[in-house]
Each structure stands twice: as structure tokens, then as C-alpha cells.
Amino acid sequence: MTDLDRGIMKFKGADSITAVVLSGVLILGAIAFLIIWALQSAYALS
């Protein structure tokens, strides 16, 4: 059992490269969306 299977992601294959890449893309996409949204809200960029 790897460390990733012990935390929040308690399912078989939680440490697979596909799951890690998908989680990373979702998290980085959400952060990028929030930064862009905040900049557009604070400044009239468009």
C-alpha cells in the first residue's frame, strides 16, 4: 500500500499516473480560473 492509498484517496489505483495527472490538471485549472477571474473583477482587462 502506498502513501496515496492512506489519505483522502482511498481507492485502488489512486497512485496511478492517470489519477495524479487528472487531479493536478483539475487543481491547476481551478487556480488559474480563480486568478483570471480575480484579475478581471479587480481591473477592467477586457
PDB file of N, CA and C in Angstrom:
ATOM      1  N   MET A   1       0.852  -1.189   0.000  1.00  0.00           N
ATOM      2  CA  MET A   1       0.000   0.000   0.000  1.00  0.00           C
ATOM      3  C   MET A   1       0.885   1.236   0.000  1.00  0.00           C
ATOM      4  N   THR A   2       0.605   2.122  -0.917  1.00  0.00           N
ATOM      5  CA  THR A   2       1.396   3.349  -0.990  1.00  0.00           C
ATOM      6  C   THR A   2       0.810   4.411  -0.075  1.00  0.00           C
ATOM      7  N   ASP A   3       1.522   5.505   0.074  1.00  0.00           N
ATOM      8  CA  ASP A   3       1.057   6.588   0.932  1.00  0.00           C
ATOM      9  C   ASP A   3      -0.213   7.228   0.396  1.00  0.00           C
ATOM     10  N   LEU A   4      -0.378   7.260  -0.942  1.00  0.00           N
ATOM     11  CA  LEU A   4      -1.563   7.892  -1.509  1.00  0.00           C
ATOM     12  C   LEU A   4      -2.833   7.111  -1.193  1.00  0.00           C
ATOM     13  N   ASP A   5      -2.712   5.790  -0.968  1.00  0.00           N
ATOM     14  CA  ASP A   5      -3.885   4.987  -0.645  1.00  0.00           C
ATOM     15  C   ASP A   5      -4.320   5.171   0.811  1.00  0.00           C
ATOM     16  N   ARG A   6      -3.549   5.874   1.600  1.00  0.00           N
ATOM     17  CA  ARG A   6      -3.866   6.027   3.017  1.00  0.00           C
ATOM     18  C   ARG A   6      -4.586   7.322   3.339  1.00  0.00           C
ATOM     19  N   GLY A   7      -4.520   8.282   2.470  1.00  0.00           N
ATOM     20  CA  GLY A   7      -5.115   9.578   2.767  1.00  0.00           C
ATOM     21  C   GLY A   7      -6.549   9.671   2.297  1.00  0.00           C
ATOM     22  N   ILE A   8      -6.849  10.765   1.647  1.00  0.00           N
ATOM     23  CA  ILE A   8      -8.205  11.031   1.190  1.00  0.00           C
ATOM     24  C   ILE A   8      -8.594  10.104   0.036  1.00  0.00           C
ATOM     25  N   MET A   9      -7.635   9.752  -0.813  1.00  0.00           N
ATOM     26  CA  MET A   9      -7.916   8.942  -1.996  1.00  0.00           C
ATOM     27  C   MET A   9      -7.772   7.465  -1.652  1.00  0.00           C
ATOM     28  N   LYS A  10      -8.769   6.914  -0.995  1.00  0.00           N
ATOM     29  CA  LYS A  10      -8.716   5.522  -0.550  1.00  0.00           C
ATOM     30  C   LYS A  10      -9.416   4.620  -1.554  1.00  0.00           C
ATOM     31  N   PHE A  11      -8.878   4.535  -2.755  1.00  0.00           N
ATOM     32  CA  PHE A  11      -9.415   3.604  -3.733  1.00  0.00           C
ATOM     33  C   PHE A  11      -8.266   2.994  -4.515  1.00  0.00           C
ATOM     34  N   LYS A  12      -8.529   1.857  -5.092  1.00  0.00           N
ATOM     35  CA  LYS A  12      -7.483   1.159  -5.836  1.00  0.00           C
ATOM     36  C   LYS A  12      -7.104   1.979  -7.067  1.00  0.00           C
ATOM     37  N   GLY A  13      -5.830   2.170  -7.268  1.00  0.00           N
ATOM     38  CA  GLY A  13      -5.345   2.949  -8.397  1.00  0.00           C
ATOM     39  C   GLY A  13      -5.223   4.433  -8.113  1.00  0.00           C
ATOM     40  N   ALA A  14      -5.315   4.833  -6.871  1.00  0.00           N
ATOM     41  CA  ALA A  14      -5.218   6.249  -6.528  1.00  0.00           C
ATOM     42  C   ALA A  14      -3.827   6.800  -6.819  1.00  0.00           C
ATOM     43  N   ASP A  15      -2.833   5.923  -6.863  1.00  0.00           N
ATOM     44  CA  ASP A  15      -1.473   6.380  -7.127  1.00  0.00           C
ATOM     45  C   ASP A  15      -1.071   6.173  -8.585  1.00  0.00           C
ATOM     46  N   SER A  16      -2.033   5.864  -9.444  1.00  0.00           N
ATOM     47  CA  SER A  16      -1.712   5.703 -10.864  1.00  0.00           C
ATOM     48  C   SER A  16      -1.395   7.064 -11.471  1.00  0.00           C
ATOM     49  N   ILE A  17      -0.611   7.043 -12.521  1.00  0.00           N
ATOM     50  CA  ILE A  17      -0.193   8.302 -13.147  1.00  0.00           C
ATOM     51  C   ILE A  17      -1.394   9.047 -13.719  1.00  0.00           C
ATOM     52  N   THR A  18      -2.396   8.316 -14.191  1.00  0.00           N
ATOM     53  CA  THR A  18      -3.589   8.961 -14.743  1.00  0.00           C
ATOM     54  C   THR A  18      -4.338   9.747 -13.671  1.00  0.00           C
ATOM     55  N   ALA A  19      -4.521   9.158 -12.516  1.00  0.00           N
ATOM     56  CA  ALA A  19      -5.241   9.835 -11.432  1.00  0.00           C
ATOM     57  C   ALA A  19      -4.457  11.046 -10.930  1.00  0.00           C
ATOM     58  N   VAL A  20      -3.157  10.920 -10.842  1.00  0.00           N
ATOM     59  CA  VAL A  20      -2.322  12.023 -10.361  1.00  0.00           C
ATOM     60  C   VAL A  20      -2.341  13.185 -11.356  1.00  0.00           C
ATOM     61  N   VAL A  21      -2.214  12.872 -12.660  1.00  0.00           N
ATOM     62  CA  VAL A  21      -2.227  13.919 -13.685  1.00  0.00           C
ATOM     63  C   VAL A  21      -3.591  14.583 -13.745  1.00  0.00           C
ATOM     64  N   LEU A  22      -4.657  13.801 -13.689  1.00  0.00           N
ATOM     65  CA  LEU A  22      -6.006  14.364 -13.736  1.00  0.00           C
ATOM     66  C   LEU A  22      -6.258  15.283 -12.537  1.00  0.00           C
ATOM     67  N   SER A  23      -5.853  14.858 -11.366  1.00  0.00           N
ATOM     68  CA  SER A  23      -6.020  15.694 -10.169  1.00  0.00           C
ATOM     69  C   SER A  23      -5.207  16.980 -10.286  1.00  0.00           C
ATOM     70  N   GLY A  24      -3.991  16.857 -10.782  1.00  0.00           N
ATOM     71  CA  GLY A  24      -3.145  18.037 -10.942  1.00  0.00           C
ATOM     72  C   GLY A  24      -3.723  19.034 -11.934  1.00  0.00           C
ATOM     73  N   VAL A  25      -4.240  18.531 -13.047  1.00  0.00           N
ATOM     74  CA  VAL A  25      -4.833  19.413 -14.057  1.00  0.00           C
ATOM     75  C   VAL A  25      -6.065  20.109 -13.495  1.00  0.00           C
ATOM     76  N   LEU A  26      -6.893  19.380 -12.764  1.00  0.00           N
ATOM     77  CA  LEU A  26      -8.093  19.982 -12.177  1.00  0.00           C
ATOM     78  C   LEU A  26      -7.734  21.070 -11.169  1.00  0.00           C
ATOM     79  N   ILE A  27      -6.754  20.791 -10.331  1.00  0.00           N
ATOM     80  CA  ILE A  27      -6.368  21.760  -9.304  1.00  0.00           C
ATOM     81  C   ILE A  27      -5.721  22.998  -9.935  1.00  0.00           C
ATOM     82  N   LEU A  28      -4.794  22.782 -10.873  1.00  0.00           N
ATOM     83  CA  LEU A  28      -4.129  23.923 -11.513  1.00  0.00           C
ATOM     84  C   LEU A  28      -5.106  24.721 -12.371  1.00  0.00           C
ATOM     85  N   GLY A  29      -6.049  24.040 -13.014  1.00  0.00           N
ATOM     86  CA  GLY A  29      -7.064  24.736 -13.796  1.00  0.00           C
ATOM     87  C   GLY A  29      -7.953  25.598 -12.919  1.00  0.00           C
ATOM     88  N   ALA A  30      -8.331  25.074 -11.763  1.00  0.00           N
ATOM     89  CA  ALA A  30      -9.168  25.843 -10.845  1.00  0.00           C
ATOM     90  C   ALA A  30      -8.420  27.064 -10.317  1.00  0.00           C
ATOM     91  N   ILE A  31      -7.133  26.905 -10.009  1.00  0.00           N
ATOM     92  CA  ILE A  31      -6.339  28.026  -9.523  1.00  0.00           C
ATOM     93  C   ILE A  31      -6.201  29.086 -10.616  1.00  0.00           C
ATOM     94  N   ALA A  32      -5.924  28.645 -11.849  1.00  0.00           N
ATOM     95  CA  ALA A  32      -5.798  29.593 -12.961  1.00  0.00           C
ATOM     96  C   ALA A  32      -7.116  30.328 -13.192  1.00  0.00           C
ATOM     97  N   PHE A  33      -8.228  29.604 -13.136  1.00  0.00           N
ATOM     98  CA  PHE A  33      -9.541  30.237 -13.308  1.00  0.00           C
ATOM     99  C   PHE A  33      -9.783  31.297 -12.246  1.00  0.00           C
ATOM    100  N   LEU A  34      -9.467  30.985 -11.006  1.00  0.00           N
ATOM    101  CA  LEU A  34      -9.684  31.945  -9.925  1.00  0.00           C
ATOM    102  C   LEU A  34      -8.792  33.178 -10.069  1.00  0.00           C
ATOM    103  N   ILE A  35      -7.550  32.988 -10.509  1.00  0.00           N
ATOM    104  CA  ILE A  35      -6.647  34.129 -10.700  1.00  0.00           C
ATOM    105  C   ILE A  35      -7.159  35.022 -11.821  1.00  0.00           C
ATOM    106  N   ILE A  36      -7.562  34.409 -12.942  1.00  0.00           N
ATOM    107  CA  ILE A  36      -8.080  35.193 -14.072  1.00  0.00           C
ATOM    108  C   ILE A  36      -9.360  35.910 -13.682  1.00  0.00           C
ATOM    109  N   TRP A  37     -10.244  35.220 -12.983  1.00  0.00           N
ATOM    110  CA  TRP A  37     -11.500  35.830 -12.545  1.00  0.00           C
ATOM    111  C   TRP A  37     -11.243  37.002 -11.596  1.00  0.00           C
ATOM    112  N   ALA A  38     -10.286  36.817 -10.679  1.00  0.00           N
ATOM    113  CA  ALA A  38      -9.967  37.884  -9.730  1.00  0.00           C
ATOM    114  C   ALA A  38      -9.377  39.095 -10.435  1.00  0.00           C
ATOM    115  N   LEU A  39      -8.500  38.861 -11.405  1.00  0.00           N
ATOM    116  CA  LEU A  39      -7.912  39.980 -12.146  1.00  0.00           C
ATOM    117  C   LEU A  39      -8.963  40.716 -12.968  1.00  0.00           C
ATOM    118  N   GLN A  40      -9.868  39.977 -13.577  1.00  0.00           N
ATOM    119  CA  GLN A  40     -10.927  40.628 -14.358  1.00  0.00           C
ATOM    120  C   GLN A  40     -11.907  41.375 -13.468  1.00  0.00           C
ATOM    121  N   SER A  41     -12.113  40.879 -12.267  1.00  0.00           N
ATOM    122  CA  SER A  41     -13.017  41.567 -11.346  1.00  0.00           C
ATOM    123  C   SER A  41     -12.365  42.825 -10.767  1.00  0.00           C
ATOM    124  N   ALA A  42     -11.081  42.768 -10.516  1.00  0.00           N
ATOM    125  CA  ALA A  42     -10.395  43.897  -9.901  1.00  0.00           C
ATOM    126  C   ALA A  42     -10.060  44.969 -10.918  1.00  0.00           C
ATOM    127  N   TYR A  43      -9.730  44.566 -12.136  1.00  0.00           N
ATOM    128  CA  TYR A  43      -9.341  45.508 -13.167  1.00  0.00           C
ATOM    129  C   TYR A  43     -10.187  45.236 -14.414  1.00  0.00           C
ATOM    130  N   ALA A  44     -10.494  46.234 -15.152  1.00  0.00           N
ATOM    131  CA  ALA A  44     -11.253  46.060 -16.399  1.00  0.00           C
ATOM    132  C   ALA A  44     -10.282  45.658 -17.497  1.00  0.00           C
ATOM    133  N   LEU A  45      -9.946  44.380 -17.557  1.00  0.00           N
ATOM    134  CA  LEU A  45      -8.954  43.914 -18.523  1.00  0.00           C
ATOM    135  C   LEU A  45      -9.554  43.685 -19.909  1.00  0.00           C
ATOM    136  N   SER A  46     -10.820  43.378 -19.978  1.00  0.00           N
ATOM    137  CA  SER A  46     -11.411  43.090 -21.267  1.00  0.00           C
ATOM    138  C   SER A  46     -12.002  44.351 -21.827  1.00  0.00           C
TER     139      SER A  46
END
